[in-house]
PDB file of N, CA and C in Angstrom:
ATOM      1  N   MET A   1      25.316   9.591 -20.849  1.00  0.00           N
ATOM      2  CA  MET A   1      26.211   9.306 -19.743  1.00  0.00           C
ATOM      3  C   MET A   1      25.824   7.948 -19.170  1.00  0.00           C
ATOM      4  N   ALA A   2      26.784   7.058 -19.081  1.00  0.00           N
ATOM      5  CA  ALA A   2      26.530   5.737 -18.508  1.00  0.00           C
ATOM      6  C   ALA A   2      26.556   5.834 -16.990  1.00  0.00           C
ATOM      7  N   LEU A   3      25.507   5.326 -16.376  1.00  0.00           N
ATOM      8  CA  LEU A   3      25.396   5.372 -14.924  1.00  0.00           C
ATOM      9  C   LEU A   3      25.826   4.047 -14.326  1.00  0.00           C
ATOM     10  N   PRO A   4      26.472   4.090 -13.163  1.00  0.00           N
ATOM     11  CA  PRO A   4      26.858   2.833 -12.524  1.00  0.00           C
ATOM     12  C   PRO A   4      25.629   2.124 -11.966  1.00  0.00           C
ATOM     13  N   VAL A   5      25.488   0.874 -12.334  1.00  0.00           N
ATOM     14  CA  VAL A   5      24.403   0.057 -11.800  1.00  0.00           C
ATOM     15  C   VAL A   5      24.974  -0.706 -10.621  1.00  0.00           C
ATOM     16  N   PRO A   6      24.292  -0.663  -9.485  1.00  0.00           N
ATOM     17  CA  PRO A   6      24.853  -1.329  -8.307  1.00  0.00           C
ATOM     18  C   PRO A   6      25.022  -2.823  -8.515  1.00  0.00           C
ATOM     19  N   ALA A   7      26.145  -3.352  -8.049  1.00  0.00           N
ATOM     20  CA  ALA A   7      26.390  -4.789  -8.102  1.00  0.00           C
ATOM     21  C   ALA A   7      25.792  -5.415  -6.851  1.00  0.00           C
ATOM     22  N   PRO A   8      24.976  -6.466  -7.021  1.00  0.00           N
ATOM     23  CA  PRO A   8      24.344  -7.076  -5.850  1.00  0.00           C
ATOM     24  C   PRO A   8      25.357  -7.679  -4.887  1.00  0.00           C
ATOM     25  N   THR A   9      25.090  -7.541  -3.621  1.00  0.00           N
ATOM     26  CA  THR A   9      25.908  -8.169  -2.593  1.00  0.00           C
ATOM     27  C   THR A   9      25.111  -9.320  -2.009  1.00  0.00           C
ATOM     28  N   ALA A  10      25.732 -10.106  -1.151  1.00  0.00           N
ATOM     29  CA  ALA A  10      25.061 -11.273  -0.583  1.00  0.00           C
ATOM     30  C   ALA A  10      23.753 -10.879   0.092  1.00  0.00           C
ATOM     31  N   ASN A  11      23.783  -9.884   0.960  1.00  0.00           N
ATOM     32  CA  ASN A  11      22.562  -9.402   1.595  1.00  0.00           C
ATOM     33  C   ASN A  11      22.661  -7.888   1.769  1.00  0.00           C
ATOM     34  N   PRO A  12      22.088  -7.148   0.838  1.00  0.00           N
ATOM     35  CA  PRO A  12      22.150  -5.696   0.908  1.00  0.00           C
ATOM     36  C   PRO A  12      21.102  -5.079   1.835  1.00  0.00           C
ATOM     37  N   LEU A  13      20.229  -5.886   2.430  1.00  0.00           N
ATOM     38  CA  LEU A  13      19.152  -5.314   3.238  1.00  0.00           C
ATOM     39  C   LEU A  13      19.607  -4.554   4.482  1.00  0.00           C
ATOM     40  N   PRO A  14      20.636  -4.987   5.195  1.00  0.00           N
ATOM     41  CA  PRO A  14      21.056  -4.173   6.342  1.00  0.00           C
ATOM     42  C   PRO A  14      21.467  -2.752   5.936  1.00  0.00           C
ATOM     43  N   ARG A  15      22.194  -2.616   4.843  1.00  0.00           N
ATOM     44  CA  ARG A  15      22.584  -1.277   4.365  1.00  0.00           C
ATOM     45  C   ARG A  15      21.356  -0.517   3.874  1.00  0.00           C
ATOM     46  N   PHE A  16      20.458  -1.202   3.166  1.00  0.00           N
ATOM     47  CA  PHE A  16      19.204  -0.578   2.732  1.00  0.00           C
ATOM     48  C   PHE A  16      18.451  -0.040   3.942  1.00  0.00           C
ATOM     49  N   ALA A  17      18.322  -0.859   4.996  1.00  0.00           N
ATOM     50  CA  ALA A  17      17.590  -0.459   6.200  1.00  0.00           C
ATOM     51  C   ALA A  17      18.234   0.756   6.859  1.00  0.00           C
ATOM     52  N   GLU A  18      19.548   0.797   6.879  1.00  0.00           N
ATOM     53  CA  GLU A  18      20.279   1.929   7.463  1.00  0.00           C
ATOM     54  C   GLU A  18      19.976   3.223   6.709  1.00  0.00           C
ATOM     55  N   VAL A  19      20.071   3.168   5.385  1.00  0.00           N
ATOM     56  CA  VAL A  19      19.812   4.364   4.572  1.00  0.00           C
ATOM     57  C   VAL A  19      18.344   4.758   4.652  1.00  0.00           C
ATOM     58  N   ALA A  20      17.456   3.781   4.534  1.00  0.00           N
ATOM     59  CA  ALA A  20      16.021   4.077   4.593  1.00  0.00           C
ATOM     60  C   ALA A  20      15.654   4.726   5.924  1.00  0.00           C
ATOM     61  N   ALA A  21      16.207   4.241   7.019  1.00  0.00           N
ATOM     62  CA  ALA A  21      15.937   4.831   8.333  1.00  0.00           C
ATOM     63  C   ALA A  21      16.452   6.267   8.399  1.00  0.00           C
ATOM     64  N   SER A  22      17.594   6.525   7.774  1.00  0.00           N
ATOM     65  CA  SER A  22      18.129   7.889   7.782  1.00  0.00           C
ATOM     66  C   SER A  22      17.242   8.845   6.987  1.00  0.00           C
ATOM     67  N   LEU A  23      16.433   8.290   6.091  1.00  0.00           N
ATOM     68  CA  LEU A  23      15.488   9.095   5.306  1.00  0.00           C
ATOM     69  C   LEU A  23      14.128   9.189   5.986  1.00  0.00           C
ATOM     70  N   GLY A  24      14.006   8.590   7.167  1.00  0.00           N
ATOM     71  CA  GLY A  24      12.768   8.666   7.928  1.00  0.00           C
ATOM     72  C   GLY A  24      11.766   7.571   7.633  1.00  0.00           C
ATOM     73  N   MET A  25      12.182   6.522   6.932  1.00  0.00           N
ATOM     74  CA  MET A  25      11.277   5.417   6.622  1.00  0.00           C
ATOM     75  C   MET A  25      11.231   4.436   7.792  1.00  0.00           C
ATOM     76  N   ARG A  26      10.021   4.132   8.256  1.00  0.00           N
ATOM     77  CA  ARG A  26       9.840   3.114   9.284  1.00  0.00           C
ATOM     78  C   ARG A  26      10.006   1.725   8.654  1.00  0.00           C
ATOM     79  N   ARG A  27      10.177   0.713   9.485  1.00  0.00           N
ATOM     80  CA  ARG A  27      10.386  -0.657   8.985  1.00  0.00           C
ATOM     81  C   ARG A  27       9.239  -1.114   8.086  1.00  0.00           C
ATOM     82  N   GLU A  28       8.014  -0.770   8.433  1.00  0.00           N
ATOM     83  CA  GLU A  28       6.868  -1.166   7.606  1.00  0.00           C
ATOM     84  C   GLU A  28       6.956  -0.532   6.219  1.00  0.00           C
ATOM     85  N   GLU A  29       7.376   0.727   6.169  1.00  0.00           N
ATOM     86  CA  GLU A  29       7.542   1.415   4.882  1.00  0.00           C
ATOM     87  C   GLU A  29       8.681   0.791   4.081  1.00  0.00           C
ATOM     88  N   GLN A  30       9.729   0.395   4.775  1.00  0.00           N
ATOM     89  CA  GLN A  30      10.853  -0.257   4.107  1.00  0.00           C
ATOM     90  C   GLN A  30      10.405  -1.565   3.465  1.00  0.00           C
ATOM     91  N   ALA A  31       9.610  -2.347   4.191  1.00  0.00           N
ATOM     92  CA  ALA A  31       9.104  -3.609   3.657  1.00  0.00           C
ATOM     93  C   ALA A  31       8.242  -3.349   2.424  1.00  0.00           C
ATOM     94  N   ARG A  32       7.330  -2.380   2.504  1.00  0.00           N
ATOM     95  CA  ARG A  32       6.476  -2.044   1.355  1.00  0.00           C
ATOM     96  C   ARG A  32       7.301  -1.580   0.165  1.00  0.00           C
ATOM     97  N   PHE A  33       8.334  -0.785   0.426  1.00  0.00           N
ATOM     98  CA  PHE A  33       9.219  -0.286  -0.627  1.00  0.00           C
ATOM     99  C   PHE A  33       9.777  -1.452  -1.441  1.00  0.00           C
ATOM    100  N   LEU A  34      10.117  -2.534  -0.748  1.00  0.00           N
ATOM    101  CA  LEU A  34      10.697  -3.713  -1.404  1.00  0.00           C
ATOM    102  C   LEU A  34       9.654  -4.725  -1.854  1.00  0.00           C
ATOM    103  N   GLY A  35       8.386  -4.428  -1.595  1.00  0.00           N
ATOM    104  CA  GLY A  35       7.327  -5.349  -1.994  1.00  0.00           C
ATOM    105  C   GLY A  35       7.270  -6.597  -1.137  1.00  0.00           C
ATOM    106  N   LEU A  36       7.672  -6.472   0.122  1.00  0.00           N
ATOM    107  CA  LEU A  36       7.705  -7.617   1.029  1.00  0.00           C
ATOM    108  C   LEU A  36       6.718  -7.431   2.172  1.00  0.00           C
ATOM    109  N   SER A  37       6.287  -8.545   2.730  1.00  0.00           N
ATOM    110  CA  SER A  37       5.515  -8.472   3.967  1.00  0.00           C
ATOM    111  C   SER A  37       6.483  -8.082   5.082  1.00  0.00           C
ATOM    112  N   ARG A  38       5.928  -7.613   6.166  1.00  0.00           N
ATOM    113  CA  ARG A  38       6.759  -7.208   7.306  1.00  0.00           C
ATOM    114  C   ARG A  38       7.590  -8.391   7.817  1.00  0.00           C
ATOM    115  N   SER A  39       6.968  -9.560   7.921  1.00  0.00           N
ATOM    116  CA  SER A  39       7.695 -10.725   8.440  1.00  0.00           C
ATOM    117  C   SER A  39       8.801 -11.174   7.482  1.00  0.00           C
ATOM    118  N   SER A  40       8.526 -11.146   6.181  1.00  0.00           N
ATOM    119  CA  SER A  40       9.564 -11.506   5.202  1.00  0.00           C
ATOM    120  C   SER A  40      10.724 -10.527   5.261  1.00  0.00           C
ATOM    121  N   TYR A  41      10.390  -9.255   5.416  1.00  0.00           N
ATOM    122  CA  TYR A  41      11.430  -8.230   5.493  1.00  0.00           C
ATOM    123  C   TYR A  41      12.350  -8.494   6.687  1.00  0.00           C
ATOM    124  N   PHE A  42      11.771  -8.750   7.848  1.00  0.00           N
ATOM    125  CA  PHE A  42      12.590  -9.007   9.030  1.00  0.00           C
ATOM    126  C   PHE A  42      13.398 -10.293   8.882  1.00  0.00           C
ATOM    127  N   ARG A  43      12.831 -11.284   8.226  1.00  0.00           N
ATOM    128  CA  ARG A  43      13.561 -12.529   7.988  1.00  0.00           C
ATOM    129  C   ARG A  43      14.746 -12.273   7.057  1.00  0.00           C
ATOM    130  N   TYR A  44      14.516 -11.501   5.989  1.00  0.00           N
ATOM    131  CA  TYR A  44      15.594 -11.180   5.051  1.00  0.00           C
ATOM    132  C   TYR A  44      16.690 -10.328   5.686  1.00  0.00           C
ATOM    133  N   LEU A  45      16.324  -9.470   6.607  1.00  0.00           N
ATOM    134  CA  LEU A  45      17.339  -8.634   7.264  1.00  0.00           C
ATOM    135  C   LEU A  45      18.394  -9.481   7.964  1.00  0.00           C
ATOM    136  N   LYS A  46      17.999 -10.641   8.452  1.00  0.00           N
ATOM    137  CA  LYS A  46      18.910 -11.505   9.204  1.00  0.00           C
ATOM    138  C   LYS A  46      19.535 -12.607   8.353  1.00  0.00           C
ATOM    139  N   ALA A  47      19.071 -12.756   7.122  1.00  0.00           N
ATOM    140  CA  ALA A  47      19.532 -13.852   6.269  1.00  0.00           C
ATOM    141  C   ALA A  47      20.931 -13.589   5.712  1.00  0.00           C
ATOM    142  N   GLN A  48      21.610 -14.663   5.343  1.00  0.00           N
ATOM    143  CA  GLN A  48      22.911 -14.548   4.688  1.00  0.00           C
ATOM    144  C   GLN A  48      22.729 -14.066   3.248  1.00  0.00           C
ATOM    145  N   GLU A  49      21.734 -14.610   2.579  1.00  0.00           N
ATOM    146  CA  GLU A  49      21.455 -14.248   1.187  1.00  0.00           C
ATOM    147  C   GLU A  49      19.965 -14.028   1.034  1.00  0.00           C
ATOM    148  N   VAL A  50      19.597 -13.262   0.019  1.00  0.00           N
ATOM    149  CA  VAL A  50      18.194 -13.020  -0.283  1.00  0.00           C
ATOM    150  C   VAL A  50      17.958 -13.290  -1.760  1.00  0.00           C
ATOM    151  N   GLU A  51      16.701 -13.358  -2.143  1.00  0.00           N
ATOM    152  CA  GLU A  51      16.373 -13.587  -3.543  1.00  0.00           C
ATOM    153  C   GLU A  51      17.025 -12.504  -4.402  1.00  0.00           C
ATOM    154  N   PRO A  52      17.508 -12.872  -5.583  1.00  0.00           N
ATOM    155  CA  PRO A  52      18.205 -11.901  -6.434  1.00  0.00           C
ATOM    156  C   PRO A  52      17.379 -10.651  -6.770  1.00  0.00           C
ATOM    157  N   GLY A  53      16.095 -10.812  -7.009  1.00  0.00           N
ATOM    158  CA  GLY A  53      15.262  -9.655  -7.329  1.00  0.00           C
ATOM    159  C   GLY A  53      15.145  -8.690  -6.163  1.00  0.00           C
ATOM    160  N   VAL A  54      14.991  -9.226  -4.972  1.00  0.00           N
ATOM    161  CA  VAL A  54      14.905  -8.391  -3.769  1.00  0.00           C
ATOM    162  C   VAL A  54      16.260  -7.730  -3.513  1.00  0.00           C
ATOM    163  N   ALA A  55      17.331  -8.487  -3.684  1.00  0.00           N
ATOM    164  CA  ALA A  55      18.668  -7.941  -3.476  1.00  0.00           C
ATOM    165  C   ALA A  55      18.948  -6.793  -4.438  1.00  0.00           C
ATOM    166  N   ALA A  56      18.593  -6.977  -5.703  1.00  0.00           N
ATOM    167  CA  ALA A  56      18.828  -5.918  -6.695  1.00  0.00           C
ATOM    168  C   ALA A  56      18.033  -4.667  -6.346  1.00  0.00           C
ATOM    169  N   LEU A  57      16.783  -4.833  -5.980  1.00  0.00           N
ATOM    170  CA  LEU A  57      15.946  -3.691  -5.618  1.00  0.00           C
ATOM    171  C   LEU A  57      16.482  -2.983  -4.372  1.00  0.00           C
ATOM    172  N   ALA A  58      16.970  -3.748  -3.416  1.00  0.00           N
ATOM    173  CA  ALA A  58      17.499  -3.177  -2.175  1.00  0.00           C
ATOM    174  C   ALA A  58      18.794  -2.408  -2.396  1.00  0.00           C
ATOM    175  N   GLU A  59      19.454  -2.630  -3.512  1.00  0.00           N
ATOM    176  CA  GLU A  59      20.704  -1.931  -3.816  1.00  0.00           C
ATOM    177  C   GLU A  59      20.461  -0.521  -4.357  1.00  0.00           C
ATOM    178  N   PHE A  60      19.321  -0.272  -4.982  1.00  0.00           N
ATOM    179  CA  PHE A  60      19.098   1.028  -5.624  1.00  0.00           C
ATOM    180  C   PHE A  60      19.165   2.191  -4.644  1.00  0.00           C
ATOM    181  N   LEU A  61      18.485   2.092  -3.520  1.00  0.00           N
ATOM    182  CA  LEU A  61      18.448   3.210  -2.569  1.00  0.00           C
ATOM    183  C   LEU A  61      19.827   3.545  -2.004  1.00  0.00           C
ATOM    184  N   PRO A  62      20.567   2.584  -1.430  1.00  0.00           N
ATOM    185  CA  PRO A  62      21.887   2.937  -0.893  1.00  0.00           C
ATOM    186  C   PRO A  62      22.856   3.434  -1.971  1.00  0.00           C
ATOM    187  N   SER A  63      22.791   2.828  -3.142  1.00  0.00           N
ATOM    188  CA  SER A  63      23.682   3.253  -4.219  1.00  0.00           C
ATOM    189  C   SER A  63      23.385   4.692  -4.640  1.00  0.00           C
ATOM    190  N   ALA A  64      22.114   5.006  -4.818  1.00  0.00           N
ATOM    191  CA  ALA A  64      21.728   6.374  -5.188  1.00  0.00           C
ATOM    192  C   ALA A  64      22.105   7.354  -4.085  1.00  0.00           C
ATOM    193  N   TYR A  65      21.847   6.988  -2.851  1.00  0.00           N
ATOM    194  CA  TYR A  65      22.159   7.852  -1.709  1.00  0.00           C
ATOM    195  C   TYR A  65      23.659   8.166  -1.662  1.00  0.00           C
ATOM    196  N   ASP A  66      24.491   7.151  -1.817  1.00  0.00           N
ATOM    197  CA  ASP A  66      25.937   7.357  -1.798  1.00  0.00           C
ATOM    198  C   ASP A  66      26.376   8.271  -2.940  1.00  0.00           C
ATOM    199  N   ARG A  67      25.806   8.065  -4.116  1.00  0.00           N
ATOM    200  CA  ARG A  67      26.149   8.902  -5.281  1.00  0.00           C
ATOM    201  C   ARG A  67      25.701  10.344  -5.057  1.00  0.00           C
ATOM    202  N   LEU A  68      24.531  10.530  -4.473  1.00  0.00           N
ATOM    203  CA  LEU A  68      24.029  11.882  -4.212  1.00  0.00           C
ATOM    204  C   LEU A  68      24.879  12.598  -3.167  1.00  0.00           C
ATOM    205  N   ILE A  69      25.381  11.882  -2.192  1.00  0.00           N
ATOM    206  CA  ILE A  69      26.301  12.495  -1.223  1.00  0.00           C
ATOM    207  C   ILE A  69      27.542  13.005  -1.946  1.00  0.00           C
ATOM    208  N   GLU A  70      28.054  12.201  -2.880  1.00  0.00           N
ATOM    209  CA  GLU A  70      29.203  12.642  -3.683  1.00  0.00           C
ATOM    210  C   GLU A  70      28.867  13.897  -4.485  1.00  0.00           C
ATOM    211  N   LEU A  71      27.701  13.899  -5.117  1.00  0.00           N
ATOM    212  CA  LEU A  71      27.297  15.035  -5.951  1.00  0.00           C
ATOM    213  C   LEU A  71      27.040  16.299  -5.138  1.00  0.00           C
ATOM    214  N   PHE A  72      26.311  16.165  -4.039  1.00  0.00           N
ATOM    215  CA  PHE A  72      25.878  17.328  -3.265  1.00  0.00           C
ATOM    216  C   PHE A  72      26.856  17.732  -2.163  1.00  0.00           C
ATOM    217  N   GLY A  73      27.712  16.815  -1.758  1.00  0.00           N
ATOM    218  CA  GLY A  73      28.708  17.139  -0.752  1.00  0.00           C
ATOM    219  C   GLY A  73      28.311  16.877   0.686  1.00  0.00           C
ATOM    220  N   SER A  74      27.065  16.481   0.924  1.00  0.00           N
ATOM    221  CA  SER A  74      26.677  16.170   2.307  1.00  0.00           C
ATOM    222  C   SER A  74      25.504  15.196   2.329  1.00  0.00           C
ATOM    223  N   ALA A  75      25.469  14.422   3.403  1.00  0.00           N
ATOM    224  CA  ALA A  75      24.372  13.467   3.588  1.00  0.00           C
ATOM    225  C   ALA A  75      23.052  14.201   3.778  1.00  0.00           C
ATOM    226  N   GLU A  76      23.077  15.327   4.466  1.00  0.00           N
ATOM    227  CA  GLU A  76      21.844  16.087   4.703  1.00  0.00           C
ATOM    228  C   GLU A  76      21.267  16.619   3.388  1.00  0.00           C
ATOM    229  N   ASP A  77      22.103  17.149   2.512  1.00  0.00           N
ATOM    230  CA  ASP A  77      21.619  17.640   1.222  1.00  0.00           C
ATOM    231  C   ASP A  77      21.050  16.486   0.379  1.00  0.00           C
ATOM    232  N   ALA A  78      21.704  15.335   0.418  1.00  0.00           N
ATOM    233  CA  ALA A  78      21.208  14.164  -0.311  1.00  0.00           C
ATOM    234  C   ALA A  78      19.860  13.724   0.253  1.00  0.00           C
ATOM    235  N   ARG A  79      19.740  13.708   1.582  1.00  0.00           N
ATOM    236  CA  ARG A  79      18.493  13.302   2.234  1.00  0.00           C
ATOM    237  C   ARG A  79      17.352  14.236   1.845  1.00  0.00           C
ATOM    238  N   VAL A  80      17.592  15.522   1.912  1.00  0.00           N
ATOM    239  CA  VAL A  80      16.552  16.493   1.571  1.00  0.00           C
ATOM    240  C   VAL A  80      16.153  16.341   0.110  1.00  0.00           C
ATOM    241  N   TRP A  81      17.125  16.221  -0.776  1.00  0.00           N
ATOM    242  CA  TRP A  81      16.819  16.118  -2.203  1.00  0.00           C
ATOM    243  C   TRP A  81      15.998  14.856  -2.496  1.00  0.00           C
ATOM    244  N   LEU A  82      16.347  13.750  -1.858  1.00  0.00           N
ATOM    245  CA  LEU A  82      15.633  12.493  -2.087  1.00  0.00           C
ATOM    246  C   LEU A  82      14.197  12.512  -1.564  1.00  0.00           C
ATOM    247  N   THR A  83      13.937  13.256  -0.529  1.00  0.00           N
ATOM    248  CA  THR A  83      12.633  13.163   0.141  1.00  0.00           C
ATOM    249  C   THR A  83      11.660  14.293  -0.189  1.00  0.00           C
ATOM    250  N   GLN A  84      12.080  15.252  -1.004  1.00  0.00           N
ATOM    251  CA  GLN A  84      11.197  16.356  -1.382  1.00  0.00           C
ATOM    252  C   GLN A  84      10.701  16.164  -2.814  1.00  0.00           C
ATOM    253  N   PRO A  85       9.435  16.500  -3.102  1.00  0.00           N
ATOM    254  CA  PRO A  85       8.956  16.410  -4.485  1.00  0.00           C
ATOM    255  C   PRO A  85       9.862  17.217  -5.416  1.00  0.00           C
ATOM    256  N   ASN A  86      10.108  16.655  -6.597  1.00  0.00           N
ATOM    257  CA  ASN A  86      11.022  17.260  -7.546  1.00  0.00           C
ATOM    258  C   ASN A  86      10.287  17.572  -8.844  1.00  0.00           C
ATOM    259  N   LEU A  87      10.284  18.816  -9.235  1.00  0.00           N
ATOM    260  CA  LEU A  87       9.579  19.247 -10.437  1.00  0.00           C
ATOM    261  C   LEU A  87      10.090  18.520 -11.677  1.00  0.00           C
ATOM    262  N   ALA A  88      11.399  18.343 -11.778  1.00  0.00           N
ATOM    263  CA  ALA A  88      11.986  17.675 -12.943  1.00  0.00           C
ATOM    264  C   ALA A  88      11.606  16.199 -13.028  1.00  0.00           C
ATOM    265  N   LEU A  89      11.139  15.646 -11.933  1.00  0.00           N
ATOM    266  CA  LEU A  89      10.715  14.242 -11.896  1.00  0.00           C
ATOM    267  C   LEU A  89       9.201  14.132 -11.779  1.00  0.00           C
ATOM    268  N   GLY A  90       8.504  15.111 -12.308  1.00  0.00           N
ATOM    269  CA  GLY A  90       7.049  15.068 -12.305  1.00  0.00           C
ATOM    270  C   GLY A  90       6.440  15.286 -10.935  1.00  0.00           C
ATOM    271  N   ARG A  91       7.090  16.094 -10.116  1.00  0.00           N
ATOM    272  CA  ARG A  91       6.633  16.402  -8.757  1.00  0.00           C
ATOM    273  C   ARG A  91       6.607  15.171  -7.845  1.00  0.00           C
ATOM    274  N   THR A  92       7.386  14.179  -8.199  1.00  0.00           N
ATOM    275  CA  THR A  92       7.502  12.949  -7.413  1.00  0.00           C
ATOM    276  C   THR A  92       8.739  13.060  -6.525  1.00  0.00           C
ATOM    277  N   ARG A  93       8.659  12.465  -5.348  1.00  0.00           N
ATOM    278  CA  ARG A  93       9.851  12.398  -4.509  1.00  0.00           C
ATOM    279  C   ARG A  93      10.832  11.422  -5.154  1.00  0.00           C
ATOM    280  N   PRO A  94      12.088  11.820  -5.333  1.00  0.00           N
ATOM    281  CA  PRO A  94      13.055  10.908  -5.957  1.00  0.00           C
ATOM    282  C   PRO A  94      13.133   9.543  -5.286  1.00  0.00           C
ATOM    283  N   VAL A  95      13.032   9.489  -3.974  1.00  0.00           N
ATOM    284  CA  VAL A  95      13.113   8.208  -3.278  1.00  0.00           C
ATOM    285  C   VAL A  95      12.028   7.248  -3.763  1.00  0.00           C
ATOM    286  N   ASP A  96      10.878   7.766  -4.146  1.00  0.00           N
ATOM    287  CA  ASP A  96       9.784   6.904  -4.597  1.00  0.00           C
ATOM    288  C   ASP A  96      10.046   6.272  -5.958  1.00  0.00           C
ATOM    289  N   LEU A  97      11.016   6.802  -6.690  1.00  0.00           N
ATOM    290  CA  LEU A  97      11.347   6.258  -8.008  1.00  0.00           C
ATOM    291  C   LEU A  97      12.421   5.179  -7.942  1.00  0.00           C
ATOM    292  N   LEU A  98      12.999   4.986  -6.781  1.00  0.00           N
ATOM    293  CA  LEU A  98      14.115   4.043  -6.648  1.00  0.00           C
ATOM    294  C   LEU A  98      13.663   2.599  -6.489  1.00  0.00           C
ATOM    295  N   ARG A  99      12.532   2.282  -7.075  1.00  0.00           N
ATOM    296  CA  ARG A  99      12.002   0.915  -7.036  1.00  0.00           C
ATOM    297  C   ARG A  99      12.201   0.185  -8.367  1.00  0.00           C
ATOM    298  N   SER A 100      12.922   0.853  -9.282  1.00  0.00           N
ATOM    299  CA  SER A 100      13.180   0.235 -10.582  1.00  0.00           C
ATOM    300  C   SER A 100      14.484   0.784 -11.145  1.00  0.00           C
ATOM    301  N   LEU A 101      15.045   0.073 -12.097  1.00  0.00           N
ATOM    302  CA  LEU A 101      16.258   0.535 -12.758  1.00  0.00           C
ATOM    303  C   LEU A 101      15.991   1.842 -13.502  1.00  0.00           C
ATOM    304  N   LYS A 102      14.863   1.921 -14.163  1.00  0.00           N
ATOM    305  CA  LYS A 102      14.511   3.141 -14.898  1.00  0.00           C
ATOM    306  C   LYS A 102      14.417   4.342 -13.941  1.00  0.00           C
ATOM    307  N   GLY A 103      13.781   4.152 -12.798  1.00  0.00           N
ATOM    308  CA  GLY A 103      13.671   5.215 -11.809  1.00  0.00           C
ATOM    309  C   GLY A 103      15.023   5.583 -11.220  1.00  0.00           C
ATOM    310  N   TYR A 104      15.826   4.578 -10.940  1.00  0.00           N
ATOM    311  CA  TYR A 104      17.180   4.797 -10.418  1.00  0.00           C
ATOM    312  C   TYR A 104      17.978   5.673 -11.375  1.00  0.00           C
ATOM    313  N   GLU A 105      17.933   5.317 -12.655  1.00  0.00           N
ATOM    314  CA  GLU A 105      18.659   6.095 -13.663  1.00  0.00           C
ATOM    315  C   GLU A 105      18.115   7.516 -13.771  1.00  0.00           C
ATOM    316  N   ALA A 106      16.797   7.668 -13.726  1.00  0.00           N
ATOM    317  CA  ALA A 106      16.193   9.001 -13.814  1.00  0.00           C
ATOM    318  C   ALA A 106      16.606   9.872 -12.632  1.00  0.00           C
ATOM    319  N   VAL A 107      16.632   9.305 -11.452  1.00  0.00           N
ATOM    320  CA  VAL A 107      17.023  10.056 -10.249  1.00  0.00           C
ATOM    321  C   VAL A 107      18.462  10.533 -10.369  1.00  0.00           C
ATOM    322  N   LEU A 108      19.377   9.641 -10.730  1.00  0.00           N
ATOM    323  CA  LEU A 108      20.785  10.030 -10.811  1.00  0.00           C
ATOM    324  C   LEU A 108      21.043  11.016 -11.949  1.00  0.00           C
ATOM    325  N   GLU A 109      20.387  10.828 -13.072  1.00  0.00           N
ATOM    326  CA  GLU A 109      20.551  11.767 -14.191  1.00  0.00           C
ATOM    327  C   GLU A 109      20.022  13.145 -13.827  1.00  0.00           C
ATOM    328  N   THR A 110      18.871  13.202 -13.193  1.00  0.00           N
ATOM    329  CA  THR A 110      18.275  14.477 -12.800  1.00  0.00           C
ATOM    330  C   THR A 110      19.162  15.198 -11.793  1.00  0.00           C
ATOM    331  N   ALA A 111      19.665  14.478 -10.827  1.00  0.00           N
ATOM    332  CA  ALA A 111      20.545  15.083  -9.823  1.00  0.00           C
ATOM    333  C   ALA A 111      21.816  15.620 -10.470  1.00  0.00           C
ATOM    334  N   ALA A 112      22.418  14.832 -11.335  1.00  0.00           N
ATOM    335  CA  ALA A 112      23.652  15.262 -12.003  1.00  0.00           C
ATOM    336  C   ALA A 112      23.400  16.490 -12.881  1.00  0.00           C
ATOM    337  N   ARG A 113      22.293  16.503 -13.603  1.00  0.00           N
ATOM    338  CA  ARG A 113      21.978  17.667 -14.436  1.00  0.00           C
ATOM    339  C   ARG A 113      21.835  18.911 -13.569  1.00  0.00           C
ATOM    340  N   GLY A 114      21.184  18.768 -12.432  1.00  0.00           N
ATOM    341  CA  GLY A 114      20.996  19.921 -11.540  1.00  0.00           C
ATOM    342  C   GLY A 114      22.313  20.422 -10.980  1.00  0.00           C
ATOM    343  N   VAL A 115      23.184  19.509 -10.583  1.00  0.00           N
ATOM    344  CA  VAL A 115      24.462  19.894 -10.001  1.00  0.00           C
ATOM    345  C   VAL A 115      25.374  20.538 -11.044  1.00  0.00           C
ATOM    346  N   TYR A 116      25.361  19.972 -12.250  1.00  0.00           N
ATOM    347  CA  TYR A 116      26.261  20.481 -13.288  1.00  0.00           C
ATOM    348  C   TYR A 116      25.620  21.540 -14.170  1.00  0.00           C
ATOM    349  N   GLY A 117      24.355  21.879 -13.887  1.00  0.00           N
ATOM    350  CA  GLY A 117      23.697  22.941 -14.633  1.00  0.00           C
ATOM    351  C   GLY A 117      23.325  22.586 -16.068  1.00  0.00           C
ATOM    352  N   VAL A 118      23.084  21.304 -16.321  1.00  0.00           N
ATOM    353  CA  VAL A 118      22.702  20.850 -17.659  1.00  0.00           C
ATOM    354  C   VAL A 118      21.230  20.507 -17.634  1.00  0.00           C
ATOM    355  N   TYR A 119      20.421  21.252 -18.373  1.00  0.00           N
ATOM    356  CA  TYR A 119      18.979  21.008 -18.360  1.00  0.00           C
ATOM    357  C   TYR A 119      18.511  20.617 -19.689  1.00  0.00           C
TER     358      TYR A 119
END
């Protein structure tokens, strides 16, 4: 199954920050998630554009979150699924895997298999 890869936007960090906050991540955790210092993170939040690598990484979380809402039917179910350790993902929290394309794909595939009953 081909998964949609998020298309980078000019500055995806405000949306990333919104979703990350809804998952209970503090600003410092958000910066670490993206591999940025706290000051760089705050600077990027206000910028018109960000480095392509940071922008691409910042797209994974909101894109996965939106897809999981579609799959599960509610933001709360998506939030819980993302933040709880998942046996199918090696007892890792799915949100922790959203730092790479490979992790992004694994999270969405695992969620879809669970929803559609394909193991």
